[in-house]
C-alpha cells in the first residue's frame, strides 16, 4: 500500500466524471488499498478515486465509529433516496472550507465490490451523506457546488470539539 497525493479543488480532474470500472483485479485492489490508507492518513471518512487523480468509479468510506468497517464502492449508483437533512460537510480536496449541505436522509446504493460482485445497501444519517458526497465526486461535482452557506468558525469549533470527545471515549473504551 502507498499513500497517494490528494488533489485540491482547483484540479480539473475533480470536475471530470469518472469512467466505470471494467477490470476487477490486482490494479483495482491496489487502488482501493492505497485510497483507504491515504484516507486514514489524512483523517478523512471517505475518498473517491478522482481525488487521487484516477478517473474511475471507485470510492472508500469508513466513518471511524464503534462498529464501522471500511466500505468499498465500485461503480456505485444511488437508486433510491428519501427525505432531506442539512448538515456541515468538509472534504479532503477542499481543506479550508466547510459548508452547510442538504442531502437525502436515507439512500439505497447499488455497487460492486472489489471482485466485481454486485451488492445493494441502505444507509441513513452520516453514512448516507458520505455516500452521496463520494458519488458526487465520481460525477465531477464538489460539495461546494451545492452548499447553501459556509460554516461559521463557531460551528467548525463545535464539530472539532465533538470529534475530540469521541476520540477520547474511543481510547478509554
Protein backbone atom coordinates (compact mmCIF):
# COMPACT_ATOMS: atom_id res chain seq x y z
CA UNK A 1 0.00 0.00 0.00
CA UNK A 2 1.10 3.53 -0.71
CA UNK A 3 -0.06 6.99 0.15
CA UNK A 4 -1.40 8.89 -2.83
CA UNK A 5 -1.48 12.65 -3.31
CA UNK A 6 -4.93 14.14 -2.71
CA UNK A 7 -5.84 16.63 -5.42
CA UNK A 8 -7.15 20.03 -4.39
CA UNK A 9 -10.33 21.72 -5.62
CA UNK A 10 -8.66 23.68 -8.42
CA UNK A 11 -7.51 20.49 -10.18
CA UNK A 12 -9.57 19.81 -13.36
CA UNK A 13 -9.62 16.06 -12.63
CA UNK A 14 -12.08 16.75 -9.81
CA UNK A 15 -14.51 18.26 -12.34
CA UNK A 16 -14.28 15.33 -14.75
CA UNK A 17 -16.79 12.47 -14.49
CA UNK A 18 -15.12 9.15 -13.74
CA UNK A 19 -15.32 6.12 -16.02
CA UNK A 20 -16.93 2.88 -14.87
CA UNK A 21 -14.54 0.21 -13.64
CA UNK A 22 -14.47 -2.68 -16.09
CA UNK A 23 -11.46 -4.69 -14.90
CA UNK A 24 -11.57 -6.20 -11.43
CA UNK A 25 -8.16 -7.41 -10.44
CA UNK A 26 -4.84 -6.62 -8.82
CA UNK A 27 -4.65 -3.00 -10.06
CA UNK A 28 -8.11 -2.16 -8.69
CA UNK A 29 -7.33 -3.90 -5.40
CA UNK A 30 -4.11 -1.88 -5.10
CA UNK A 31 -6.00 1.35 -5.86
CA UNK A 32 -8.64 0.62 -3.21
CA UNK A 33 -5.97 -0.30 -0.64
CA UNK A 34 -3.98 2.86 -1.41
CA UNK A 35 -7.12 5.00 -1.22
CA UNK A 36 -8.01 3.57 2.19
CA UNK A 37 -4.51 4.17 3.52
CA UNK A 38 -4.50 7.71 2.09
CA UNK A 39 -7.92 8.44 3.62
CA UNK A 40 -6.86 7.14 7.05
CA UNK A 41 -3.58 9.07 6.93
CA UNK A 42 -5.49 12.29 6.14
CA UNK A 43 -8.06 11.63 8.91
CA UNK A 44 -10.87 11.52 6.39
CA UNK A 45 -14.03 9.44 6.33
CA UNK A 46 -14.28 9.00 2.56
CA UNK A 47 -12.20 9.24 -0.58
CA UNK A 48 -13.08 8.86 -4.26
CA UNK A 49 -10.62 7.77 -6.94
CA UNK A 50 -10.74 11.14 -8.79
CA UNK A 51 -9.41 12.77 -5.60
CA UNK A 52 -6.17 10.86 -6.13
CA UNK A 53 -6.12 11.51 -9.88
CA UNK A 54 -7.68 8.25 -11.05
CA UNK A 55 -10.81 8.81 -13.12
CA UNK A 56 -12.51 5.53 -12.27
CA UNK A 57 -15.75 4.95 -10.35
CA UNK A 58 -14.37 3.76 -7.04
CA UNK A 59 -14.68 5.14 -3.51
CA UNK A 60 -13.89 4.11 0.05
CA UNK A 61 -15.70 5.13 3.24
CA UNK A 62 -15.00 4.50 6.91
CA UNK A 63 -16.90 6.54 9.48
CA UNK A 64 -14.45 5.73 12.31
CA UNK A 65 -17.36 4.80 14.55
CA UNK A 66 -17.61 1.94 17.03
CA UNK A 67 -18.69 -0.83 14.65
CA UNK A 68 -17.53 0.85 11.49
CA UNK A 69 -15.73 -1.06 8.78
CA UNK A 70 -14.21 0.01 5.50
CA UNK A 71 -16.82 0.22 2.75
CA UNK A 72 -15.58 -0.11 -0.82
CA UNK A 73 -17.92 1.08 -3.56
CA UNK A 74 -17.09 0.30 -7.17
CA UNK A 75 -19.40 1.73 -9.84
CA UNK A 76 -21.88 2.99 -7.21
CA UNK A 77 -25.29 4.32 -8.18
CA UNK A 78 -27.83 5.80 -5.83
CA UNK A 79 -31.04 4.02 -6.79
CA UNK A 80 -33.35 5.46 -4.12
CA UNK A 81 -33.35 8.47 -1.82
CA UNK A 82 -35.72 9.63 0.92
CA UNK A 83 -36.12 12.75 2.99
CA UNK A 84 -33.66 15.57 3.41
CA UNK A 85 -31.17 16.55 6.08
CA UNK A 86 -28.86 19.53 6.21
CA UNK A 87 -25.50 19.32 7.94
CA UNK A 88 -21.98 20.68 7.70
CA UNK A 89 -19.62 18.96 5.28
CA UNK A 90 -15.94 19.16 4.56
CA UNK A 91 -13.69 17.47 2.04
CA UNK A 92 -10.07 16.37 1.85
CA UNK A 93 -9.85 18.13 -1.55
CA UNK A 94 -11.25 21.39 -0.13
CA UNK A 95 -9.28 21.69 3.11
CA UNK A 96 -10.08 25.29 4.05
CA UNK A 97 -13.87 25.38 3.75
CA UNK A 98 -16.77 23.66 5.49
CA UNK A 99 -20.33 24.36 4.47
CA UNK A 100 -23.98 23.55 5.01
CA UNK A 101 -25.25 20.98 2.51
CA UNK A 102 -28.68 19.41 2.14
CA UNK A 103 -28.57 15.70 1.26
CA UNK A 104 -31.05 12.83 1.30
CA UNK A 105 -31.64 11.49 4.81
CA UNK A 106 -31.66 7.91 3.53
CA UNK A 107 -30.28 6.32 0.37
CA UNK A 108 -30.04 2.95 -1.30
CA UNK A 109 -26.85 2.44 -3.26
CA UNK A 110 -26.15 -0.30 -5.78
CA UNK A 111 -22.47 -1.03 -6.36
CA UNK A 112 -19.89 -3.73 -6.89
CA UNK A 113 -17.21 -4.92 -4.53
CA UNK A 114 -13.50 -5.20 -5.39
CA UNK A 115 -14.16 -8.55 -7.09
CA UNK A 116 -16.99 -7.27 -9.28
CA UNK A 117 -19.76 -8.87 -7.24
CA UNK A 118 -22.85 -6.65 -7.13
CA UNK A 119 -24.45 -5.60 -3.85
CA UNK A 120 -27.00 -3.14 -2.60
CA UNK A 121 -27.07 -1.36 0.74
CA UNK A 122 -29.27 1.10 2.53
CA UNK A 123 -27.80 3.91 4.57
CA UNK A 124 -29.12 6.77 6.62
CA UNK A 125 -27.68 9.66 8.58
CA UNK A 126 -23.97 10.36 8.23
CA UNK A 127 -23.30 7.27 6.11
CA UNK A 128 -25.96 8.35 3.58
CA UNK A 129 -24.33 11.78 3.48
CA UNK A 130 -20.88 10.25 2.88
CA UNK A 131 -22.15 8.02 0.09
CA UNK A 132 -23.79 10.98 -1.66
CA UNK A 133 -20.62 13.06 -1.23
CA UNK A 134 -18.40 10.35 -2.79
CA UNK A 135 -20.85 9.63 -5.63
CA UNK A 136 -20.81 13.36 -6.39
CA UNK A 137 -17.01 13.18 -6.71
CA UNK A 138 -17.40 10.35 -9.22
CA UNK A 139 -19.71 12.58 -11.25
CA UNK A 140 -17.30 15.53 -11.23
CA UNK A 141 -19.10 17.57 -8.55
CA UNK A 142 -17.83 19.02 -5.28
CA UNK A 143 -19.94 19.72 -2.22
CA UNK A 144 -19.10 23.42 -2.59
CA UNK A 145 -21.27 23.39 -5.73
CA UNK A 146 -24.36 22.68 -3.65
CA UNK A 147 -23.61 24.15 -0.22
CA UNK A 148 -26.09 26.74 0.96
CA UNK A 149 -23.58 28.71 3.04
CA UNK A 150 -20.14 28.44 4.56
CA UNK A 151 -19.98 27.21 8.15
CA UNK A 152 -19.04 29.71 10.82
CA UNK A 153 -15.91 29.41 12.95
CA UNK A 154 -18.09 28.58 15.95
CA UNK A 155 -19.80 25.74 14.09
CA UNK A 156 -16.45 24.33 12.96
CA UNK A 157 -15.03 24.59 16.50
CA UNK A 158 -18.07 22.73 17.87
CA UNK A 159 -17.51 19.91 15.37
CA UNK A 160 -13.81 19.72 16.29
CA UNK A 161 -14.66 19.51 19.99
CA UNK A 162 -17.21 16.76 19.35
CA UNK A 163 -14.56 14.79 17.40
CA UNK A 164 -12.03 15.18 20.23
CA UNK A 165 -14.54 13.84 22.76
CA UNK A 166 -15.35 10.89 20.51
CA UNK A 167 -11.66 10.02 20.14
CA UNK A 168 -11.10 10.26 23.91
CA UNK A 169 -14.05 7.91 24.54
CA UNK A 170 -12.70 5.50 21.94
CA UNK A 171 -9.26 5.43 23.60
CA UNK A 172 -10.81 4.78 27.03
CA UNK A 173 -13.07 2.00 25.69
